[in-house]
Amino acid sequence: MTRIKKKRTTPKPIFLDVPRRSEKLADPDSYESRKRRNQEQKKKHKSVYEKAREAEQSAGTDDQQRNTPLADKIRRIKRAEEARKAAAEEK
């Protein structure tokens, strides 16, 4: 046989002065507001369509020349080498 434990009940319900959720969200330092802010800032995963579209755009930008000083310098050096090779072949 099992014994039934006595339940401790109070004659009056206890009402605590707990702030509502809206009041917690109004306070910028509360746990609720920090949790909501972090959920909004959380990284969103992209759909397959968006990933494919970005891949197409990035492939299109690779064909374009980069306009940086180093890239210009490398192009000048390559042109000079090609000119030297062309001059050497003509002789």
C-alpha atoms as a PDB file:
ATOM      1  CA  MET A   1       0.000   0.000   0.000  1.00  0.00           C
ATOM      2  CA  THR A   2       1.148   3.502  -0.747  1.00  0.00           C
ATOM      3  CA  ARG A   3       0.603   6.412   1.439  1.00  0.00           C
ATOM      4  CA  ILE A   4      -0.790   9.613   0.020  1.00  0.00           C
ATOM      5  CA  LYS A   5       1.241  12.685   0.871  1.00  0.00           C
ATOM      6  CA  LYS A   6      -0.544  15.578   2.480  1.00  0.00           C
ATOM      7  CA  LYS A   7      -0.860  18.647   0.319  1.00  0.00           C
ATOM      8  CA  ARG A   8      -0.060  21.909   1.950  1.00  0.00           C
ATOM      9  CA  THR A   9      -2.653  24.349   0.822  1.00  0.00           C
ATOM     10  CA  THR A  10      -3.062  27.909   1.909  1.00  0.00           C
ATOM     11  CA  PRO A  11      -6.456  29.347   2.570  1.00  0.00           C
ATOM     12  CA  LYS A  12      -5.669  32.541   0.625  1.00  0.00           C
ATOM     13  CA  PRO A  13      -3.973  32.657  -2.768  1.00  0.00           C
ATOM     14  CA  ILE A  14      -0.657  34.498  -2.844  1.00  0.00           C
ATOM     15  CA  PHE A  15      -0.467  37.339  -5.371  1.00  0.00           C
ATOM     16  CA  LEU A  16       3.011  38.626  -5.979  1.00  0.00           C
ATOM     17  CA  ASP A  17       3.678  41.988  -7.512  1.00  0.00           C
ATOM     18  CA  VAL A  18       5.327  40.662 -10.675  1.00  0.00           C
ATOM     19  CA  PRO A  19       5.770  43.017 -13.624  1.00  0.00           C
ATOM     20  CA  ARG A  20       3.977  42.144 -16.821  1.00  0.00           C
ATOM     21  CA  ARG A  21       5.838  41.029 -19.932  1.00  0.00           C
ATOM     22  CA  SER A  22       5.209  44.368 -21.648  1.00  0.00           C
ATOM     23  CA  GLU A  23       6.763  46.149 -18.679  1.00  0.00           C
ATOM     24  CA  LYS A  24       9.774  43.832 -18.834  1.00  0.00           C
ATOM     25  CA  LEU A  25      10.205  44.503 -22.549  1.00  0.00           C
ATOM     26  CA  ALA A  26      10.082  48.252 -21.922  1.00  0.00           C
ATOM     27  CA  ASP A  27      13.151  47.988 -19.674  1.00  0.00           C
ATOM     28  CA  PRO A  28      16.222  47.735 -21.988  1.00  0.00           C
ATOM     29  CA  ASP A  29      18.317  45.829 -19.424  1.00  0.00           C
ATOM     30  CA  SER A  30      15.773  43.153 -18.564  1.00  0.00           C
ATOM     31  CA  TYR A  31      16.221  39.537 -19.577  1.00  0.00           C
ATOM     32  CA  GLU A  32      13.145  39.610 -21.824  1.00  0.00           C
ATOM     33  CA  SER A  33      14.246  42.649 -23.820  1.00  0.00           C
ATOM     34  CA  ARG A  34      17.833  41.366 -24.192  1.00  0.00           C
ATOM     35  CA  LYS A  35      16.479  37.998 -25.367  1.00  0.00           C
ATOM     36  CA  ARG A  36      14.223  39.624 -27.970  1.00  0.00           C
ATOM     37  CA  ARG A  37      17.026  41.918 -29.194  1.00  0.00           C
ATOM     38  CA  ASN A  38      19.392  38.953 -29.605  1.00  0.00           C
ATOM     39  CA  GLN A  39      16.778  36.967 -31.524  1.00  0.00           C
ATOM     40  CA  GLU A  40      16.337  39.876 -33.927  1.00  0.00           C
ATOM     41  CA  GLN A  41      20.091  40.195 -34.433  1.00  0.00           C
ATOM     42  CA  LYS A  42      20.567  36.458 -34.855  1.00  0.00           C
ATOM     43  CA  LYS A  43      21.960  35.405 -38.213  1.00  0.00           C
ATOM     44  CA  LYS A  44      19.223  34.509 -40.645  1.00  0.00           C
ATOM     45  CA  HIS A  45      19.845  31.540 -42.936  1.00  0.00           C
ATOM     46  CA  LYS A  46      19.474  32.271 -46.617  1.00  0.00           C
ATOM     47  CA  SER A  47      17.236  30.290 -48.906  1.00  0.00           C
ATOM     48  CA  VAL A  48      18.631  28.173 -51.728  1.00  0.00           C
ATOM     49  CA  TYR A  49      17.342  30.733 -54.230  1.00  0.00           C
ATOM     50  CA  GLU A  50      19.193  33.596 -52.509  1.00  0.00           C
ATOM     51  CA  LYS A  51      22.411  31.567 -52.333  1.00  0.00           C
ATOM     52  CA  ALA A  52      22.220  30.759 -56.062  1.00  0.00           C
ATOM     53  CA  ARG A  53      21.484  34.384 -56.944  1.00  0.00           C
ATOM     54  CA  GLU A  54      24.478  35.604 -54.927  1.00  0.00           C
ATOM     55  CA  ALA A  55      26.705  33.004 -56.581  1.00  0.00           C
ATOM     56  CA  GLU A  56      25.637  34.267 -60.014  1.00  0.00           C
ATOM     57  CA  GLN A  57      26.300  37.865 -59.017  1.00  0.00           C
ATOM     58  CA  SER A  58      29.717  37.054 -57.572  1.00  0.00           C
ATOM     59  CA  ALA A  59      30.624  35.114 -60.744  1.00  0.00           C
ATOM     60  CA  GLY A  60      29.716  38.187 -62.766  1.00  0.00           C
ATOM     61  CA  THR A  61      31.917  40.463 -60.666  1.00  0.00           C
ATOM     62  CA  ASP A  62      34.936  38.158 -61.043  1.00  0.00           C
ATOM     63  CA  ASP A  63      35.006  38.913 -64.767  1.00  0.00           C
ATOM     64  CA  GLN A  64      35.309  42.625 -64.134  1.00  0.00           C
ATOM     65  CA  GLN A  65      38.762  44.058 -63.548  1.00  0.00           C
ATOM     66  CA  ARG A  66      39.663  45.206 -60.102  1.00  0.00           C
ATOM     67  CA  ASN A  67      40.560  48.852 -59.973  1.00  0.00           C
ATOM     68  CA  THR A  68      43.216  48.895 -57.291  1.00  0.00           C
ATOM     69  CA  PRO A  69      46.765  50.260 -57.424  1.00  0.00           C
ATOM     70  CA  LEU A  70      48.293  46.814 -57.016  1.00  0.00           C
ATOM     71  CA  ALA A  71      46.155  45.348 -59.817  1.00  0.00           C
ATOM     72  CA  ASP A  72      47.147  48.250 -62.100  1.00  0.00           C
ATOM     73  CA  LYS A  73      50.819  47.680 -61.282  1.00  0.00           C
ATOM     74  CA  ILE A  74      50.554  43.963 -62.091  1.00  0.00           C
ATOM     75  CA  ARG A  75      48.840  44.766 -65.418  1.00  0.00           C
ATOM     76  CA  ARG A  76      51.620  47.242 -66.337  1.00  0.00           C
ATOM     77  CA  ILE A  77      54.294  44.660 -65.531  1.00  0.00           C
ATOM     78  CA  LYS A  78      52.541  42.005 -67.625  1.00  0.00           C
ATOM     79  CA  ARG A  79      52.182  44.413 -70.573  1.00  0.00           C
ATOM     80  CA  ALA A  80      55.878  45.280 -70.328  1.00  0.00           C
ATOM     81  CA  GLU A  81      56.831  41.567 -70.281  1.00  0.00           C
ATOM     82  CA  GLU A  82      54.588  40.853 -73.294  1.00  0.00           C
ATOM     83  CA  ALA A  83      56.131  43.788 -75.167  1.00  0.00           C
ATOM     84  CA  ARG A  84      59.645  42.475 -74.399  1.00  0.00           C
ATOM     85  CA  LYS A  85      58.681  38.966 -75.581  1.00  0.00           C
ATOM     86  CA  ALA A  86      57.119  40.376 -78.776  1.00  0.00           C
ATOM     87  CA  ALA A  87      60.242  42.465 -79.457  1.00  0.00           C
ATOM     88  CA  ALA A  88      62.496  39.431 -78.814  1.00  0.00           C
ATOM     89  CA  GLU A  89      60.473  37.273 -81.223  1.00  0.00           C
ATOM     90  CA  GLU A  90      60.670  39.897 -83.998  1.00  0.00           C
ATOM     91  CA  LYS A  91      64.477  40.001 -83.858  1.00  0.00           C
END
